[in-house]
Amino acid sequence: MDGIELVPMTKERFDAWLPGSVADYAAEHVASGRWSKQESLERSREEHARLLPQGPATPGHRVWSIVRSSDREPVGMLWIQMMEKPTPRAFIFNIEIDARFRRRGYATQAMTKLEEEARLLGLDSIGLHVFGHNIAARPLYEKLGYVATNINMSKRLT
């Protein structure tokens, strides 16, 4: 299996990634029943703009390209926010593996690399939200040691 690295996402790659992320996030909210189709794209755009006003350079956030080590091919992306309260922790806003690279272990490797990064940053846990209808992602998170806290999941790093 090819190894991966987390590489800071360039502005150019971020600009190419953002429209698809906005559309995907809107669709997830529609599928979950939280937003109507009519409002979903605008709400998703607003949320992305609020969270990442400076794109990948937004303070307190890390946006990485997941890059295959063997040939430097980008296979996906990972976005976290670092939070201080109530304890220093990371929250995963998005992890995506491009469709043509799925089911090859890249997401598992990226999550493991994230744990290493989080420890280096002095963070003591990683949290995430998974939509209830995303039945493909939940077993991965559970396999990695995340436990349900409602629909949010968390894993202690210490």
C-alpha atoms as a PDB file:
ATOM      1  CA  MET A   1       0.000   0.000   0.000  1.00  0.00           C
ATOM      2  CA  ASP A   2       1.277   3.462  -0.882  1.00  0.00           C
ATOM      3  CA  GLY A   3       1.980   5.755   2.038  1.00  0.00           C
ATOM      4  CA  ILE A   4       0.620   9.289   2.294  1.00  0.00           C
ATOM      5  CA  GLU A   5       1.704  12.666   3.605  1.00  0.00           C
ATOM      6  CA  LEU A   6      -0.291  15.654   4.788  1.00  0.00           C
ATOM      7  CA  VAL A   7       0.918  18.671   2.815  1.00  0.00           C
ATOM      8  CA  PRO A   8      -0.397  22.201   3.428  1.00  0.00           C
ATOM      9  CA  MET A   9      -2.952  22.927   0.714  1.00  0.00           C
ATOM     10  CA  THR A  10      -1.937  25.615  -1.740  1.00  0.00           C
ATOM     11  CA  LYS A  11      -4.230  28.557  -2.466  1.00  0.00           C
ATOM     12  CA  GLU A  12      -4.651  27.305  -6.039  1.00  0.00           C
ATOM     13  CA  ARG A  13      -5.681  23.819  -4.936  1.00  0.00           C
ATOM     14  CA  PHE A  14      -7.971  25.337  -2.281  1.00  0.00           C
ATOM     15  CA  ASP A  15      -9.686  27.505  -4.906  1.00  0.00           C
ATOM     16  CA  ALA A  16     -10.221  24.419  -7.084  1.00  0.00           C
ATOM     17  CA  TRP A  17     -11.509  22.357  -4.134  1.00  0.00           C
ATOM     18  CA  LEU A  18     -13.882  24.913  -2.582  1.00  0.00           C
ATOM     19  CA  PRO A  19     -16.810  24.887  -5.075  1.00  0.00           C
ATOM     20  CA  GLY A  20     -17.143  21.099  -4.856  1.00  0.00           C
ATOM     21  CA  SER A  21     -16.932  21.180  -1.083  1.00  0.00           C
ATOM     22  CA  VAL A  22     -19.655  23.832  -0.891  1.00  0.00           C
ATOM     23  CA  ALA A  23     -21.903  21.735  -3.141  1.00  0.00           C
ATOM     24  CA  ASP A  24     -21.193  18.492  -1.258  1.00  0.00           C
ATOM     25  CA  TYR A  25     -21.831  20.072   2.147  1.00  0.00           C
ATOM     26  CA  ALA A  26     -25.092  21.576   0.892  1.00  0.00           C
ATOM     27  CA  ALA A  27     -26.188  18.177  -0.437  1.00  0.00           C
ATOM     28  CA  GLU A  28     -25.367  16.488   2.895  1.00  0.00           C
ATOM     29  CA  HIS A  29     -27.575  18.976   4.741  1.00  0.00           C
ATOM     30  CA  VAL A  30     -30.400  18.456   2.266  1.00  0.00           C
ATOM     31  CA  ALA A  31     -30.069  14.663   2.610  1.00  0.00           C
ATOM     32  CA  SER A  32     -30.132  14.963   6.406  1.00  0.00           C
ATOM     33  CA  GLY A  33     -33.255  17.136   6.272  1.00  0.00           C
ATOM     34  CA  ARG A  34     -31.589  20.103   7.993  1.00  0.00           C
ATOM     35  CA  TRP A  35     -31.715  22.465   4.997  1.00  0.00           C
ATOM     36  CA  SER A  36     -34.021  22.839   2.032  1.00  0.00           C
ATOM     37  CA  LYS A  37     -32.563  22.409  -1.456  1.00  0.00           C
ATOM     38  CA  GLN A  38     -33.421  26.038  -2.265  1.00  0.00           C
ATOM     39  CA  GLU A  39     -31.375  27.474   0.589  1.00  0.00           C
ATOM     40  CA  SER A  40     -28.611  24.889   0.811  1.00  0.00           C
ATOM     41  CA  LEU A  41     -25.972  26.298  -1.541  1.00  0.00           C
ATOM     42  CA  GLU A  42     -26.161  29.804  -0.108  1.00  0.00           C
ATOM     43  CA  ARG A  43     -26.017  28.509   3.478  1.00  0.00           C
ATOM     44  CA  SER A  44     -23.064  26.287   2.624  1.00  0.00           C
ATOM     45  CA  ARG A  45     -21.212  29.178   0.937  1.00  0.00           C
ATOM     46  CA  GLU A  46     -21.845  31.381   3.979  1.00  0.00           C
ATOM     47  CA  GLU A  47     -20.607  28.721   6.385  1.00  0.00           C
ATOM     48  CA  HIS A  48     -17.431  28.075   4.393  1.00  0.00           C
ATOM     49  CA  ALA A  49     -16.753  31.831   4.139  1.00  0.00           C
ATOM     50  CA  ARG A  50     -17.312  32.287   7.876  1.00  0.00           C
ATOM     51  CA  LEU A  51     -15.050  29.389   8.832  1.00  0.00           C
ATOM     52  CA  LEU A  52     -12.279  29.986   6.275  1.00  0.00           C
ATOM     53  CA  PRO A  53     -12.248  33.754   5.584  1.00  0.00           C
ATOM     54  CA  GLN A  54      -8.560  33.585   4.613  1.00  0.00           C
ATOM     55  CA  GLY A  55      -8.785  30.276   2.797  1.00  0.00           C
ATOM     56  CA  PRO A  56      -6.106  27.775   3.782  1.00  0.00           C
ATOM     57  CA  ALA A  57      -4.223  30.555   5.638  1.00  0.00           C
ATOM     58  CA  THR A  58      -7.069  31.089   8.145  1.00  0.00           C
ATOM     59  CA  PRO A  59      -5.593  31.208  11.677  1.00  0.00           C
ATOM     60  CA  GLY A  60      -6.528  28.257  13.858  1.00  0.00           C
ATOM     61  CA  HIS A  61      -7.252  26.015  10.878  1.00  0.00           C
ATOM     62  CA  ARG A  62      -5.136  23.531   8.959  1.00  0.00           C
ATOM     63  CA  VAL A  63      -6.118  22.484   5.440  1.00  0.00           C
ATOM     64  CA  TRP A  64      -3.977  19.733   3.960  1.00  0.00           C
ATOM     65  CA  SER A  65      -3.757  17.901   0.682  1.00  0.00           C
ATOM     66  CA  ILE A  66      -3.446  14.172   1.261  1.00  0.00           C
ATOM     67  CA  VAL A  67      -0.581  13.268  -1.066  1.00  0.00           C
ATOM     68  CA  ARG A  68       0.593   9.796  -2.061  1.00  0.00           C
ATOM     69  CA  SER A  69       4.266   9.500  -1.061  1.00  0.00           C
ATOM     70  CA  SER A  70       5.383   7.407  -4.023  1.00  0.00           C
ATOM     71  CA  ASP A  71       4.498   9.895  -6.773  1.00  0.00           C
ATOM     72  CA  ARG A  72       3.232  13.030  -4.955  1.00  0.00           C
ATOM     73  CA  GLU A  73      -0.261  12.475  -6.447  1.00  0.00           C
ATOM     74  CA  PRO A  74      -2.961  14.274  -4.408  1.00  0.00           C
ATOM     75  CA  VAL A  75      -5.547  11.687  -3.347  1.00  0.00           C
ATOM     76  CA  GLY A  76      -7.715  13.823  -1.078  1.00  0.00           C
ATOM     77  CA  MET A  77      -7.852  16.559   1.536  1.00  0.00           C
ATOM     78  CA  LEU A  78      -8.219  17.075   5.290  1.00  0.00           C
ATOM     79  CA  TRP A  79      -9.393  20.209   7.132  1.00  0.00           C
ATOM     80  CA  ILE A  80      -9.308  20.767  10.890  1.00  0.00           C
ATOM     81  CA  GLN A  81      -9.828  23.605  13.305  1.00  0.00           C
ATOM     82  CA  MET A  82      -7.757  23.775  16.475  1.00  0.00           C
ATOM     83  CA  MET A  83      -9.691  24.770  19.589  1.00  0.00           C
ATOM     84  CA  GLU A  84      -8.500  25.640  23.082  1.00  0.00           C
ATOM     85  CA  LYS A  85     -11.620  25.243  25.233  1.00  0.00           C
ATOM     86  CA  PRO A  86     -12.572  23.282  27.158  1.00  0.00           C
ATOM     87  CA  THR A  87      -9.275  21.513  26.320  1.00  0.00           C
ATOM     88  CA  PRO A  88      -6.818  21.823  23.423  1.00  0.00           C
ATOM     89  CA  ARG A  89      -8.297  19.722  20.636  1.00  0.00           C
ATOM     90  CA  ALA A  90      -8.853  19.424  16.920  1.00  0.00           C
ATOM     91  CA  PHE A  91     -12.179  19.240  15.145  1.00  0.00           C
ATOM     92  CA  ILE A  92     -12.281  17.670  11.702  1.00  0.00           C
ATOM     93  CA  PHE A  93     -14.461  19.713   9.383  1.00  0.00           C
ATOM     94  CA  ASN A  94     -13.766  17.623   6.315  1.00  0.00           C
ATOM     95  CA  ILE A  95     -11.853  14.612   5.139  1.00  0.00           C
ATOM     96  CA  GLU A  96     -12.272  13.596   1.522  1.00  0.00           C
ATOM     97  CA  ILE A  97     -10.630  10.947  -0.584  1.00  0.00           C
ATOM     98  CA  ASP A  98     -11.138  11.453  -4.321  1.00  0.00           C
ATOM     99  CA  ALA A  99     -13.518   8.814  -5.682  1.00  0.00           C
ATOM    100  CA  ARG A 100     -10.884   7.137  -7.852  1.00  0.00           C
ATOM    101  CA  PHE A 101      -8.646   6.534  -4.785  1.00  0.00           C
ATOM    102  CA  ARG A 102     -11.222   5.261  -2.290  1.00  0.00           C
ATOM    103  CA  ARG A 103     -11.042   1.891  -0.569  1.00  0.00           C
ATOM    104  CA  ARG A 104      -7.224   1.836  -0.632  1.00  0.00           C
ATOM    105  CA  GLY A 105      -6.551   2.797   2.991  1.00  0.00           C
ATOM    106  CA  TYR A 106      -5.755   6.462   2.361  1.00  0.00           C
ATOM    107  CA  ALA A 107      -8.393   7.783   4.781  1.00  0.00           C
ATOM    108  CA  THR A 108      -7.128   5.492   7.546  1.00  0.00           C
ATOM    109  CA  GLN A 109      -3.570   6.670   6.936  1.00  0.00           C
ATOM    110  CA  ALA A 110      -4.639  10.323   6.873  1.00  0.00           C
ATOM    111  CA  MET A 111      -6.479   9.957  10.172  1.00  0.00           C
ATOM    112  CA  THR A 112      -3.418   8.291  11.718  1.00  0.00           C
ATOM    113  CA  LYS A 113      -1.154  11.080  10.397  1.00  0.00           C
ATOM    114  CA  LEU A 114      -3.590  13.601  11.842  1.00  0.00           C
ATOM    115  CA  GLU A 115      -3.176  12.007  15.265  1.00  0.00           C
ATOM    116  CA  GLU A 116       0.598  12.503  14.955  1.00  0.00           C
ATOM    117  CA  GLU A 117       0.108  16.151  13.905  1.00  0.00           C
ATOM    118  CA  ALA A 118      -2.368  16.761  16.735  1.00  0.00           C
ATOM    119  CA  ARG A 119       0.052  15.422  19.321  1.00  0.00           C
ATOM    120  CA  LEU A 120       2.830  17.666  17.929  1.00  0.00           C
ATOM    121  CA  LEU A 121       0.444  20.632  18.226  1.00  0.00           C
ATOM    122  CA  GLY A 122      -0.211  19.766  21.885  1.00  0.00           C
ATOM    123  CA  LEU A 123      -3.812  18.738  21.286  1.00  0.00           C
ATOM    124  CA  ASP A 124      -5.368  16.033  23.443  1.00  0.00           C
ATOM    125  CA  SER A 125      -8.279  14.874  21.309  1.00  0.00           C
ATOM    126  CA  ILE A 126      -9.807  14.932  17.864  1.00  0.00           C
ATOM    127  CA  GLY A 127     -13.525  15.323  17.292  1.00  0.00           C
ATOM    128  CA  LEU A 128     -15.672  15.117  14.219  1.00  0.00           C
ATOM    129  CA  HIS A 129     -19.253  15.128  13.040  1.00  0.00           C
ATOM    130  CA  VAL A 130     -20.600  12.476  10.729  1.00  0.00           C
ATOM    131  CA  PHE A 131     -23.986  12.725   9.113  1.00  0.00           C
ATOM    132  CA  GLY A 132     -26.179   9.849  10.257  1.00  0.00           C
ATOM    133  CA  HIS A 133     -26.792   8.778   6.670  1.00  0.00           C
ATOM    134  CA  ASN A 134     -23.057   8.439   5.966  1.00  0.00           C
ATOM    135  CA  ILE A 135     -22.924   4.739   6.713  1.00  0.00           C
ATOM    136  CA  ALA A 136     -19.651   4.313   4.802  1.00  0.00           C
ATOM    137  CA  ALA A 137     -17.676   6.653   7.093  1.00  0.00           C
ATOM    138  CA  ARG A 138     -18.919   5.540  10.481  1.00  0.00           C
ATOM    139  CA  PRO A 139     -17.210   2.101  10.509  1.00  0.00           C
ATOM    140  CA  LEU A 140     -13.902   3.752   9.603  1.00  0.00           C
ATOM    141  CA  TYR A 141     -14.124   6.161  12.534  1.00  0.00           C
ATOM    142  CA  GLU A 142     -15.178   3.408  14.920  1.00  0.00           C
ATOM    143  CA  LYS A 143     -12.308   1.176  13.712  1.00  0.00           C
ATOM    144  CA  LEU A 144      -9.903   4.034  14.495  1.00  0.00           C
ATOM    145  CA  GLY A 145     -11.205   4.275  18.054  1.00  0.00           C
ATOM    146  CA  TYR A 146     -13.702   7.131  17.809  1.00  0.00           C
ATOM    147  CA  VAL A 147     -16.733   6.755  20.028  1.00  0.00           C
ATOM    148  CA  ALA A 148     -20.188   8.192  19.488  1.00  0.00           C
ATOM    149  CA  THR A 149     -21.134  11.320  21.415  1.00  0.00           C
ATOM    150  CA  ASN A 150     -24.552  11.734  19.917  1.00  0.00           C
ATOM    151  CA  ILE A 151     -23.620  11.872  16.245  1.00  0.00           C
ATOM    152  CA  ASN A 152     -20.326  13.599  17.005  1.00  0.00           C
ATOM    153  CA  MET A 153     -17.353  11.311  17.601  1.00  0.00           C
ATOM    154  CA  SER A 154     -14.181  11.774  19.620  1.00  0.00           C
ATOM    155  CA  LYS A 155     -10.939   9.914  20.294  1.00  0.00           C
ATOM    156  CA  ARG A 156      -8.586  10.595  23.209  1.00  0.00           C
ATOM    157  CA  LEU A 157      -4.963  10.935  22.127  1.00  0.00           C
ATOM    158  CA  THR A 158      -3.387  10.544  25.556  1.00  0.00           C
END
